[in-house]
Amino acid sequence: MSNRYDSIEIVKNSLGKRYYINNIYPDIPVTDNDIYIITTITDRLDLLANTFYNDSTLYWILASANRLPGDSLVPPVGQQLRVPAPSNIDTIINQYISINEIR
């Protein structure tokens, strides 16, 4: 599986200062196979990604599908989260790679 950090571009400005160009995340459409859960106080996006996808680095899929801010792995308690169907993960990852390779 491809590492999503591989597509983060590092550029230098005219003063030689390095900075990163943000990646673009795909829109993840709702499907009939999606799973819905209600979050509890012990939930974290990386742990949920590990539970559903066997890969904690795919937490960004949960964040993107639920339009959560990217600054925390902890979702709001008591919120319904949509977990994109595990059978669609390869498609989502390929869309992410495709969007970010074009830049």
PDB file of N, CA and C in Angstrom:
ATOM      1  N   MET A   1       0.832  -1.172   0.000  1.00  0.00           N
ATOM      2  CA  MET A   1       0.000   0.000   0.000  1.00  0.00           C
ATOM      3  C   MET A   1       0.884   1.244   0.000  1.00  0.00           C
ATOM      4  N   SER A   2       0.453   2.230  -0.734  1.00  0.00           N
ATOM      5  CA  SER A   2       1.216   3.471  -0.865  1.00  0.00           C
ATOM      6  C   SER A   2       1.098   4.322   0.393  1.00  0.00           C
ATOM      7  N   ASN A   3       2.165   4.979   0.758  1.00  0.00           N
ATOM      8  CA  ASN A   3       2.177   5.883   1.898  1.00  0.00           C
ATOM      9  C   ASN A   3       1.655   7.234   1.442  1.00  0.00           C
ATOM     10  N   ARG A   4       0.619   7.772   2.110  1.00  0.00           N
ATOM     11  CA  ARG A   4       0.030   9.033   1.676  1.00  0.00           C
ATOM     12  C   ARG A   4       0.993  10.196   1.825  1.00  0.00           C
ATOM     13  N   TYR A   5       2.046  10.057   2.614  1.00  0.00           N
ATOM     14  CA  TYR A   5       3.017  11.122   2.782  1.00  0.00           C
ATOM     15  C   TYR A   5       3.984  11.216   1.602  1.00  0.00           C
ATOM     16  N   ASP A   6       4.028  10.178   0.765  1.00  0.00           N
ATOM     17  CA  ASP A   6       4.915  10.197  -0.396  1.00  0.00           C
ATOM     18  C   ASP A   6       4.559  11.313  -1.370  1.00  0.00           C
ATOM     19  N   SER A   7       3.290  11.726  -1.377  1.00  0.00           N
ATOM     20  CA  SER A   7       2.870  12.732  -2.353  1.00  0.00           C
ATOM     21  C   SER A   7       2.902  14.160  -1.803  1.00  0.00           C
ATOM     22  N   ILE A   8       3.343  14.341  -0.569  1.00  0.00           N
ATOM     23  CA  ILE A   8       3.452  15.694  -0.019  1.00  0.00           C
ATOM     24  C   ILE A   8       4.689  16.345  -0.622  1.00  0.00           C
ATOM     25  N   GLU A   9       4.461  17.471  -1.255  1.00  0.00           N
ATOM     26  CA  GLU A   9       5.539  18.156  -1.950  1.00  0.00           C
ATOM     27  C   GLU A   9       6.196  19.180  -1.028  1.00  0.00           C
ATOM     28  N   ILE A  10       7.522  19.189  -1.027  1.00  0.00           N
ATOM     29  CA  ILE A  10       8.299  20.173  -0.272  1.00  0.00           C
ATOM     30  C   ILE A  10       8.892  21.144  -1.284  1.00  0.00           C
ATOM     31  N   VAL A  11       8.640  22.426  -1.074  1.00  0.00           N
ATOM     32  CA  VAL A  11       9.174  23.442  -1.984  1.00  0.00           C
ATOM     33  C   VAL A  11       9.938  24.486  -1.177  1.00  0.00           C
ATOM     34  N   LYS A  12      10.758  25.260  -1.880  1.00  0.00           N
ATOM     35  CA  LYS A  12      11.505  26.343  -1.243  1.00  0.00           C
ATOM     36  C   LYS A  12      11.068  27.667  -1.857  1.00  0.00           C
ATOM     37  N   ASN A  13      10.940  28.674  -1.003  1.00  0.00           N
ATOM     38  CA  ASN A  13      10.624  29.999  -1.524  1.00  0.00           C
ATOM     39  C   ASN A  13      11.917  30.707  -1.928  1.00  0.00           C
ATOM     40  N   SER A  14      11.811  31.954  -2.341  1.00  0.00           N
ATOM     41  CA  SER A  14      12.986  32.691  -2.846  1.00  0.00           C
ATOM     42  C   SER A  14      14.061  32.905  -1.783  1.00  0.00           C
ATOM     43  N   LEU A  15      13.673  32.801  -0.497  1.00  0.00           N
ATOM     44  CA  LEU A  15      14.638  32.961   0.588  1.00  0.00           C
ATOM     45  C   LEU A  15      15.235  31.629   1.038  1.00  0.00           C
ATOM     46  N   GLY A  16      14.823  30.547   0.376  1.00  0.00           N
ATOM     47  CA  GLY A  16      15.342  29.232   0.722  1.00  0.00           C
ATOM     48  C   GLY A  16      14.586  28.542   1.844  1.00  0.00           C
ATOM     49  N   LYS A  17      13.504  29.165   2.328  1.00  0.00           N
ATOM     50  CA  LYS A  17      12.704  28.551   3.393  1.00  0.00           C
ATOM     51  C   LYS A  17      11.842  27.437   2.801  1.00  0.00           C
ATOM     52  N   ARG A  18      11.902  26.261   3.431  1.00  0.00           N
ATOM     53  CA  ARG A  18      11.125  25.112   2.971  1.00  0.00           C
ATOM     54  C   ARG A  18       9.727  25.148   3.552  1.00  0.00           C
ATOM     55  N   TYR A  19       8.759  24.718   2.752  1.00  0.00           N
ATOM     56  CA  TYR A  19       7.403  24.552   3.249  1.00  0.00           C
ATOM     57  C   TYR A  19       6.723  23.428   2.466  1.00  0.00           C
ATOM     58  N   TYR A  20       5.648  22.936   3.011  1.00  0.00           N
ATOM     59  CA  TYR A  20       4.932  21.813   2.423  1.00  0.00           C
ATOM     60  C   TYR A  20       3.688  22.297   1.697  1.00  0.00           C
ATOM     61  N   ILE A  21       3.381  21.641   0.610  1.00  0.00           N
ATOM     62  CA  ILE A  21       2.140  21.905  -0.110  1.00  0.00           C
ATOM     63  C   ILE A  21       1.134  20.870   0.373  1.00  0.00           C
ATOM     64  N   ASN A  22      -0.029  21.340   0.814  1.00  0.00           N
ATOM     65  CA  ASN A  22      -1.048  20.438   1.347  1.00  0.00           C
ATOM     66  C   ASN A  22      -1.579  19.490   0.281  1.00  0.00           C
ATOM     67  N   ASN A  23      -1.878  18.295   0.707  1.00  0.00           N
ATOM     68  CA  ASN A  23      -2.501  17.320  -0.176  1.00  0.00           C
ATOM     69  C   ASN A  23      -3.988  17.586  -0.274  1.00  0.00           C
ATOM     70  N   ILE A  24      -4.585  17.086  -1.338  1.00  0.00           N
ATOM     71  CA  ILE A  24      -6.015  17.196  -1.557  1.00  0.00           C
ATOM     72  C   ILE A  24      -6.606  15.812  -1.310  1.00  0.00           C
ATOM     73  N   TYR A  25      -7.689  15.770  -0.563  1.00  0.00           N
ATOM     74  CA  TYR A  25      -8.332  14.498  -0.244  1.00  0.00           C
ATOM     75  C   TYR A  25      -9.584  14.332  -1.097  1.00  0.00           C
ATOM     76  N   PRO A  26      -9.849  13.116  -1.564  1.00  0.00           N
ATOM     77  CA  PRO A  26     -11.007  12.906  -2.432  1.00  0.00           C
ATOM     78  C   PRO A  26     -12.329  12.992  -1.664  1.00  0.00           C
ATOM     79  N   ASP A  27     -13.371  13.359  -2.393  1.00  0.00           N
ATOM     80  CA  ASP A  27     -14.713  13.234  -1.827  1.00  0.00           C
ATOM     81  C   ASP A  27     -15.028  11.749  -1.806  1.00  0.00           C
ATOM     82  N   ILE A  28     -15.574  11.298  -0.705  1.00  0.00           N
ATOM     83  CA  ILE A  28     -15.865   9.873  -0.566  1.00  0.00           C
ATOM     84  C   ILE A  28     -17.383   9.704  -0.570  1.00  0.00           C
ATOM     85  N   PRO A  29     -17.935   9.207  -1.685  1.00  0.00           N
ATOM     86  CA  PRO A  29     -19.389   9.098  -1.781  1.00  0.00           C
ATOM     87  C   PRO A  29     -19.954   8.045  -0.824  1.00  0.00           C
ATOM     88  N   VAL A  30     -21.181   8.291  -0.426  1.00  0.00           N
ATOM     89  CA  VAL A  30     -21.901   7.342   0.428  1.00  0.00           C
ATOM     90  C   VAL A  30     -22.273   6.120  -0.412  1.00  0.00           C
ATOM     91  N   THR A  31     -22.097   4.935   0.161  1.00  0.00           N
ATOM     92  CA  THR A  31     -22.517   3.700  -0.510  1.00  0.00           C
ATOM     93  C   THR A  31     -23.421   2.902   0.417  1.00  0.00           C
ATOM     94  N   ASP A  32     -24.119   1.945  -0.143  1.00  0.00           N
ATOM     95  CA  ASP A  32     -25.005   1.087   0.657  1.00  0.00           C
ATOM     96  C   ASP A  32     -24.224   0.193   1.608  1.00  0.00           C
ATOM     97  N   ASN A  33     -22.940   0.001   1.350  1.00  0.00           N
ATOM     98  CA  ASN A  33     -22.127  -0.890   2.182  1.00  0.00           C
ATOM     99  C   ASN A  33     -21.405  -0.172   3.317  1.00  0.00           C
ATOM    100  N   ASP A  34     -21.567   1.146   3.412  1.00  0.00           N
ATOM    101  CA  ASP A  34     -20.919   1.892   4.489  1.00  0.00           C
ATOM    102  C   ASP A  34     -21.447   1.431   5.848  1.00  0.00           C
ATOM    103  N   ILE A  35     -20.616   1.611   6.850  1.00  0.00           N
ATOM    104  CA  ILE A  35     -20.951   1.221   8.216  1.00  0.00           C
ATOM    105  C   ILE A  35     -21.115   2.503   9.026  1.00  0.00           C
ATOM    106  N   TYR A  36     -22.074   2.533   9.923  1.00  0.00           N
ATOM    107  CA  TYR A  36     -22.287   3.710  10.769  1.00  0.00           C
ATOM    108  C   TYR A  36     -22.113   3.311  12.226  1.00  0.00           C
ATOM    109  N   ILE A  37     -21.381   4.144  12.960  1.00  0.00           N
ATOM    110  CA  ILE A  37     -21.166   3.897  14.382  1.00  0.00           C
ATOM    111  C   ILE A  37     -21.422   5.201  15.141  1.00  0.00           C
ATOM    112  N   ILE A  38     -21.674   5.064  16.417  1.00  0.00           N
ATOM    113  CA  ILE A  38     -21.765   6.218  17.312  1.00  0.00           C
ATOM    114  C   ILE A  38     -20.501   6.203  18.159  1.00  0.00           C
ATOM    115  N   THR A  39     -19.785   7.315  18.163  1.00  0.00           N
ATOM    116  CA  THR A  39     -18.503   7.362  18.861  1.00  0.00           C
ATOM    117  C   THR A  39     -18.680   7.373  20.375  1.00  0.00           C
ATOM    118  N   THR A  40     -17.678   6.814  21.035  1.00  0.00           N
ATOM    119  CA  THR A  40     -17.627   6.823  22.499  1.00  0.00           C
ATOM    120  C   THR A  40     -16.366   7.573  22.927  1.00  0.00           C
ATOM    121  N   ILE A  41     -16.203   7.747  24.192  1.00  0.00           N
ATOM    122  CA  ILE A  41     -15.071   8.512  24.720  1.00  0.00           C
ATOM    123  C   ILE A  41     -13.729   7.844  24.435  1.00  0.00           C
ATOM    124  N   THR A  42     -13.723   6.552  24.196  1.00  0.00           N
ATOM    125  CA  THR A  42     -12.460   5.840  23.955  1.00  0.00           C
ATOM    126  C   THR A  42     -12.087   5.758  22.477  1.00  0.00           C
ATOM    127  N   ASP A  43     -12.949   6.254  21.593  1.00  0.00           N
ATOM    128  CA  ASP A  43     -12.682   6.140  20.156  1.00  0.00           C
ATOM    129  C   ASP A  43     -11.649   7.149  19.679  1.00  0.00           C
ATOM    130  N   ARG A  44     -10.815   6.683  18.764  1.00  0.00           N
ATOM    131  CA  ARG A  44      -9.865   7.537  18.031  1.00  0.00           C
ATOM    132  C   ARG A  44      -9.904   7.082  16.581  1.00  0.00           C
ATOM    133  N   LEU A  45      -9.680   8.009  15.670  1.00  0.00           N
ATOM    134  CA  LEU A  45      -9.772   7.671  14.257  1.00  0.00           C
ATOM    135  C   LEU A  45      -8.756   6.611  13.842  1.00  0.00           C
ATOM    136  N   ASP A  46      -7.549   6.686  14.387  1.00  0.00           N
ATOM    137  CA  ASP A  46      -6.537   5.689  14.018  1.00  0.00           C
ATOM    138  C   ASP A  46      -6.905   4.299  14.530  1.00  0.00           C
ATOM    139  N   LEU A  47      -7.490   4.233  15.719  1.00  0.00           N
ATOM    140  CA  LEU A  47      -7.904   2.934  16.261  1.00  0.00           C
ATOM    141  C   LEU A  47      -9.094   2.366  15.484  1.00  0.00           C
ATOM    142  N   LEU A  48     -10.016   3.251  15.091  1.00  0.00           N
ATOM    143  CA  LEU A  48     -11.154   2.804  14.284  1.00  0.00           C
ATOM    144  C   LEU A  48     -10.691   2.326  12.911  1.00  0.00           C
ATOM    145  N   ALA A  49      -9.742   3.041  12.312  1.00  0.00           N
ATOM    146  CA  ALA A  49      -9.198   2.620  11.016  1.00  0.00           C
ATOM    147  C   ALA A  49      -8.526   1.257  11.141  1.00  0.00           C
ATOM    148  N   ASN A  50      -7.839   1.043  12.234  1.00  0.00           N
ATOM    149  CA  ASN A  50      -7.201  -0.254  12.452  1.00  0.00           C
ATOM    150  C   ASN A  50      -8.259  -1.358  12.616  1.00  0.00           C
ATOM    151  N   THR A  51      -9.345  -1.042  13.312  1.00  0.00           N
ATOM    152  CA  THR A  51     -10.410  -2.022  13.520  1.00  0.00           C
ATOM    153  C   THR A  51     -11.085  -2.397  12.205  1.00  0.00           C
ATOM    154  N   PHE A  52     -11.426  -1.406  11.396  1.00  0.00           N
ATOM    155  CA  PHE A  52     -12.194  -1.662  10.180  1.00  0.00           C
ATOM    156  C   PHE A  52     -11.338  -1.982   8.954  1.00  0.00           C
ATOM    157  N   TYR A  53     -10.127  -1.423   8.896  1.00  0.00           N
ATOM    158  CA  TYR A  53      -9.287  -1.580   7.700  1.00  0.00           C
ATOM    159  C   TYR A  53      -7.973  -2.314   7.975  1.00  0.00           C
ATOM    160  N   ASN A  54      -7.717  -2.666   9.224  1.00  0.00           N
ATOM    161  CA  ASN A  54      -6.454  -3.296   9.619  1.00  0.00           C
ATOM    162  C   ASN A  54      -5.247  -2.431   9.270  1.00  0.00           C
ATOM    163  N   ASP A  55      -5.440  -1.110   9.305  1.00  0.00           N
ATOM    164  CA  ASP A  55      -4.357  -0.179   8.990  1.00  0.00           C
ATOM    165  C   ASP A  55      -4.661   1.166   9.642  1.00  0.00           C
ATOM    166  N   SER A  56      -3.966   1.482  10.712  1.00  0.00           N
ATOM    167  CA  SER A  56      -4.241   2.714  11.456  1.00  0.00           C
ATOM    168  C   SER A  56      -3.892   3.971  10.666  1.00  0.00           C
ATOM    169  N   THR A  57      -3.021   3.852   9.641  1.00  0.00           N
ATOM    170  CA  THR A  57      -2.649   5.031   8.864  1.00  0.00           C
ATOM    171  C   THR A  57      -3.777   5.508   7.951  1.00  0.00           C
ATOM    172  N   LEU A  58      -4.830   4.734   7.834  1.00  0.00           N
ATOM    173  CA  LEU A  58      -5.962   5.123   6.996  1.00  0.00           C
ATOM    174  C   LEU A  58      -7.000   5.945   7.758  1.00  0.00           C
ATOM    175  N   TYR A  59      -6.609   6.496   8.905  1.00  0.00           N
ATOM    176  CA  TYR A  59      -7.519   7.336   9.689  1.00  0.00           C
ATOM    177  C   TYR A  59      -8.035   8.516   8.873  1.00  0.00           C
ATOM    178  N   TRP A  60      -7.251   8.984   7.915  1.00  0.00           N
ATOM    179  CA  TRP A  60      -7.645  10.135   7.101  1.00  0.00           C
ATOM    180  C   TRP A  60      -8.891   9.842   6.283  1.00  0.00           C
ATOM    181  N   ILE A  61      -9.141   8.579   5.964  1.00  0.00           N
ATOM    182  CA  ILE A  61     -10.353   8.223   5.222  1.00  0.00           C
ATOM    183  C   ILE A  61     -11.579   8.497   6.085  1.00  0.00           C
ATOM    184  N   LEU A  62     -11.504   8.142   7.347  1.00  0.00           N
ATOM    185  CA  LEU A  62     -12.615   8.415   8.263  1.00  0.00           C
ATOM    186  C   LEU A  62     -12.808   9.914   8.455  1.00  0.00           C
ATOM    187  N   ALA A  63     -11.701  10.635   8.604  1.00  0.00           N
ATOM    188  CA  ALA A  63     -11.787  12.088   8.780  1.00  0.00           C
ATOM    189  C   ALA A  63     -12.385  12.743   7.544  1.00  0.00           C
ATOM    190  N   SER A  64     -11.949  12.324   6.383  1.00  0.00           N
ATOM    191  CA  SER A  64     -12.435  12.911   5.135  1.00  0.00           C
ATOM    192  C   SER A  64     -13.905  12.565   4.888  1.00  0.00           C
ATOM    193  N   ALA A  65     -14.273  11.325   5.099  1.00  0.00           N
ATOM    194  CA  ALA A  65     -15.655  10.891   4.855  1.00  0.00           C
ATOM    195  C   ALA A  65     -16.648  11.617   5.760  1.00  0.00           C
ATOM    196  N   ASN A  66     -16.178  12.021   6.940  1.00  0.00           N
ATOM    197  CA  ASN A  66     -17.056  12.670   7.913  1.00  0.00           C
ATOM    198  C   ASN A  66     -16.797  14.166   8.041  1.00  0.00           C
ATOM    199  N   ARG A  67     -15.939  14.691   7.155  1.00  0.00           N
ATOM    200  CA  ARG A  67     -15.602  16.120   7.135  1.00  0.00           C
ATOM    201  C   ARG A  67     -15.161  16.624   8.521  1.00  0.00           C
ATOM    202  N   LEU A  68     -14.295  15.829   9.137  1.00  0.00           N
ATOM    203  CA  LEU A  68     -13.740  16.201  10.437  1.00  0.00           C
ATOM    204  C   LEU A  68     -12.475  17.015  10.228  1.00  0.00           C
ATOM    205  N   PRO A  69     -12.157  17.904  11.152  1.00  0.00           N
ATOM    206  CA  PRO A  69     -10.911  18.665  11.008  1.00  0.00           C
ATOM    207  C   PRO A  69      -9.710  17.725  11.114  1.00  0.00           C
ATOM    208  N   GLY A  70      -8.643  18.080  10.438  1.00  0.00           N
ATOM    209  CA  GLY A  70      -7.467  17.220  10.391  1.00  0.00           C
ATOM    210  C   GLY A  70      -6.496  17.409  11.533  1.00  0.00           C
ATOM    211  N   ASP A  71      -6.872  18.174  12.543  1.00  0.00           N
ATOM    212  CA  ASP A  71      -5.926  18.466  13.612  1.00  0.00           C
ATOM    213  C   ASP A  71      -6.074  17.562  14.831  1.00  0.00           C
ATOM    214  N   SER A  72      -6.941  16.557  14.747  1.00  0.00           N
ATOM    215  CA  SER A  72      -7.141  15.681  15.898  1.00  0.00           C
ATOM    216  C   SER A  72      -7.556  14.289  15.443  1.00  0.00           C
ATOM    217  N   LEU A  73      -7.105  13.294  16.165  1.00  0.00           N
ATOM    218  CA  LEU A  73      -7.535  11.916  15.918  1.00  0.00           C
ATOM    219  C   LEU A  73      -8.764  11.552  16.740  1.00  0.00           C
ATOM    220  N   VAL A  74      -9.210  12.465  17.594  1.00  0.00           N
ATOM    221  CA  VAL A  74     -10.313  12.181  18.506  1.00  0.00           C
ATOM    222  C   VAL A  74     -11.592  12.795  17.956  1.00  0.00           C
ATOM    223  N   PRO A  75     -12.551  11.950  17.558  1.00  0.00           N
ATOM    224  CA  PRO A  75     -13.817  12.490  17.064  1.00  0.00           C
ATOM    225  C   PRO A  75     -14.699  12.938  18.226  1.00  0.00           C
ATOM    226  N   PRO A  76     -15.668  13.806  17.951  1.00  0.00           N
ATOM    227  CA  PRO A  76     -16.588  14.215  19.021  1.00  0.00           C
ATOM    228  C   PRO A  76     -17.347  13.009  19.575  1.00  0.00           C
ATOM    229  N   VAL A  77     -17.488  12.950  20.879  1.00  0.00           N
ATOM    230  CA  VAL A  77     -18.195  11.844  21.540  1.00  0.00           C
ATOM    231  C   VAL A  77     -19.680  11.918  21.209  1.00  0.00           C
ATOM    232  N   GLY A  78     -20.263  10.765  20.909  1.00  0.00           N
ATOM    233  CA  GLY A  78     -21.689  10.684  20.630  1.00  0.00           C
ATOM    234  C   GLY A  78     -22.067  11.032  19.209  1.00  0.00           C
ATOM    235  N   GLN A  79     -21.090  11.262  18.353  1.00  0.00           N
ATOM    236  CA  GLN A  79     -21.365  11.617  16.963  1.00  0.00           C
ATOM    237  C   GLN A  79     -21.461  10.355  16.115  1.00  0.00           C
ATOM    238  N   GLN A  80     -22.391  10.362  15.175  1.00  0.00           N
ATOM    239  CA  GLN A  80     -22.464   9.254  14.229  1.00  0.00           C
ATOM    240  C   GLN A  80     -21.358   9.422  13.202  1.00  0.00           C
ATOM    241  N   LEU A  81     -20.552   8.387  13.021  1.00  0.00           N
ATOM    242  CA  LEU A  81     -19.485   8.397  12.023  1.00  0.00           C
ATOM    243  C   LEU A  81     -19.820   7.409  10.920  1.00  0.00           C
ATOM    244  N   ARG A  82     -19.540   7.833   9.703  1.00  0.00           N
ATOM    245  CA  ARG A  82     -19.678   6.928   8.562  1.00  0.00           C
ATOM    246  C   ARG A  82     -18.320   6.300   8.314  1.00  0.00           C
ATOM    247  N   VAL A  83     -18.289   5.001   8.275  1.00  0.00           N
ATOM    248  CA  VAL A  83     -17.069   4.255   7.971  1.00  0.00           C
ATOM    249  C   VAL A  83     -17.238   3.728   6.545  1.00  0.00           C
ATOM    250  N   PRO A  84     -16.517   4.325   5.580  1.00  0.00           N
ATOM    251  CA  PRO A  84     -16.625   3.821   4.211  1.00  0.00           C
ATOM    252  C   PRO A  84     -16.340   2.321   4.171  1.00  0.00           C
ATOM    253  N   ALA A  85     -17.086   1.648   3.347  1.00  0.00           N
ATOM    254  CA  ALA A  85     -16.990   0.188   3.265  1.00  0.00           C
ATOM    255  C   ALA A  85     -15.555  -0.256   2.999  1.00  0.00           C
ATOM    256  N   PRO A  86     -15.074  -1.229   3.756  1.00  0.00           N
ATOM    257  CA  PRO A  86     -13.716  -1.742   3.535  1.00  0.00           C
ATOM    258  C   PRO A  86     -13.482  -2.187   2.088  1.00  0.00           C
ATOM    259  N   SER A  87     -14.518  -2.627   1.414  1.00  0.00           N
ATOM    260  CA  SER A  87     -14.369  -3.060   0.014  1.00  0.00           C
ATOM    261  C   SER A  87     -14.079  -1.896  -0.934  1.00  0.00           C
ATOM    262  N   ASN A  88     -14.281  -0.649  -0.472  1.00  0.00           N
ATOM    263  CA  ASN A  88     -14.034   0.528  -1.313  1.00  0.00           C
ATOM    264  C   ASN A  88     -12.698   1.210  -1.032  1.00  0.00           C
ATOM    265  N   ILE A  89     -11.917   0.697  -0.115  1.00  0.00           N
ATOM    266  CA  ILE A  89     -10.687   1.364   0.313  1.00  0.00           C
ATOM    267  C   ILE A  89      -9.687   1.524  -0.830  1.00  0.00           C
ATOM    268  N   ASP A  90      -9.498   0.503  -1.632  1.00  0.00           N
ATOM    269  CA  ASP A  90      -8.535   0.611  -2.733  1.00  0.00           C
ATOM    270  C   ASP A  90      -8.930   1.713  -3.709  1.00  0.00           C
ATOM    271  N   THR A  91     -10.214   1.846  -3.978  1.00  0.00           N
ATOM    272  CA  THR A  91     -10.695   2.905  -4.869  1.00  0.00           C
ATOM    273  C   THR A  91     -10.411   4.275  -4.277  1.00  0.00           C
ATOM    274  N   ILE A  92     -10.659   4.442  -2.982  1.00  0.00           N
ATOM    275  CA  ILE A  92     -10.428   5.724  -2.305  1.00  0.00           C
ATOM    276  C   ILE A  92      -8.941   6.075  -2.338  1.00  0.00           C
ATOM    277  N   ILE A  93      -8.096   5.115  -2.044  1.00  0.00           N
ATOM    278  CA  ILE A  93      -6.644   5.354  -2.050  1.00  0.00           C
ATOM    279  C   ILE A  93      -6.170   5.708  -3.458  1.00  0.00           C
ATOM    280  N   ASN A  94      -6.673   5.013  -4.460  1.00  0.00           N
ATOM    281  CA  ASN A  94      -6.282   5.314  -5.841  1.00  0.00           C
ATOM    282  C   ASN A  94      -6.737   6.711  -6.259  1.00  0.00           C
ATOM    283  N   GLN A  95      -7.912   7.135  -5.810  1.00  0.00           N
ATOM    284  CA  GLN A  95      -8.374   8.498  -6.095  1.00  0.00           C
ATOM    285  C   GLN A  95      -7.448   9.515  -5.433  1.00  0.00           C
ATOM    286  N   TYR A  96      -7.061   9.263  -4.195  1.00  0.00           N
ATOM    287  CA  TYR A  96      -6.148  10.151  -3.472  1.00  0.00           C
ATOM    288  C   TYR A  96      -4.828  10.290  -4.231  1.00  0.00           C
ATOM    289  N   ILE A  97      -4.279   9.167  -4.663  1.00  0.00           N
ATOM    290  CA  ILE A  97      -3.004   9.180  -5.390  1.00  0.00           C
ATOM    291  C   ILE A  97      -3.161   9.938  -6.709  1.00  0.00           C
ATOM    292  N   SER A  98      -4.224   9.676  -7.417  1.00  0.00           N
ATOM    293  CA  SER A  98      -4.468  10.316  -8.704  1.00  0.00           C
ATOM    294  C   SER A  98      -4.607  11.838  -8.569  1.00  0.00           C
ATOM    295  N   ILE A  99      -5.366  12.288  -7.592  1.00  0.00           N
ATOM    296  CA  ILE A  99      -5.571  13.727  -7.371  1.00  0.00           C
ATOM    297  C   ILE A  99      -4.256  14.415  -7.062  1.00  0.00           C
ATOM    298  N   ASN A 100      -3.426  13.802  -6.256  1.00  0.00           N
ATOM    299  CA  ASN A 100      -2.202  14.460  -5.801  1.00  0.00           C
ATOM    300  C   ASN A 100      -1.021  14.294  -6.750  1.00  0.00           C
ATOM    301  N   GLU A 101      -1.097  13.363  -7.694  1.00  0.00           N
ATOM    302  CA  GLU A 101      -0.037  13.218  -8.697  1.00  0.00           C
ATOM    303  C   GLU A 101      -0.189  14.263  -9.796  1.00  0.00           C
ATOM    304  N   ILE A 102      -1.403  14.732 -10.011  1.00  0.00           N
ATOM    305  CA  ILE A 102      -1.681  15.679 -11.092  1.00  0.00           C
ATOM    306  C   ILE A 102      -1.078  17.042 -10.819  1.00  0.00           C
ATOM    307  N   ARG A 103      -0.959  17.427  -9.553  1.00  0.00           N
ATOM    308  CA  ARG A 103      -0.489  18.780  -9.212  1.00  0.00           C
ATOM    309  C   ARG A 103       0.864  19.060  -9.765  1.00  0.00           C
TER     310      ARG A 103
END
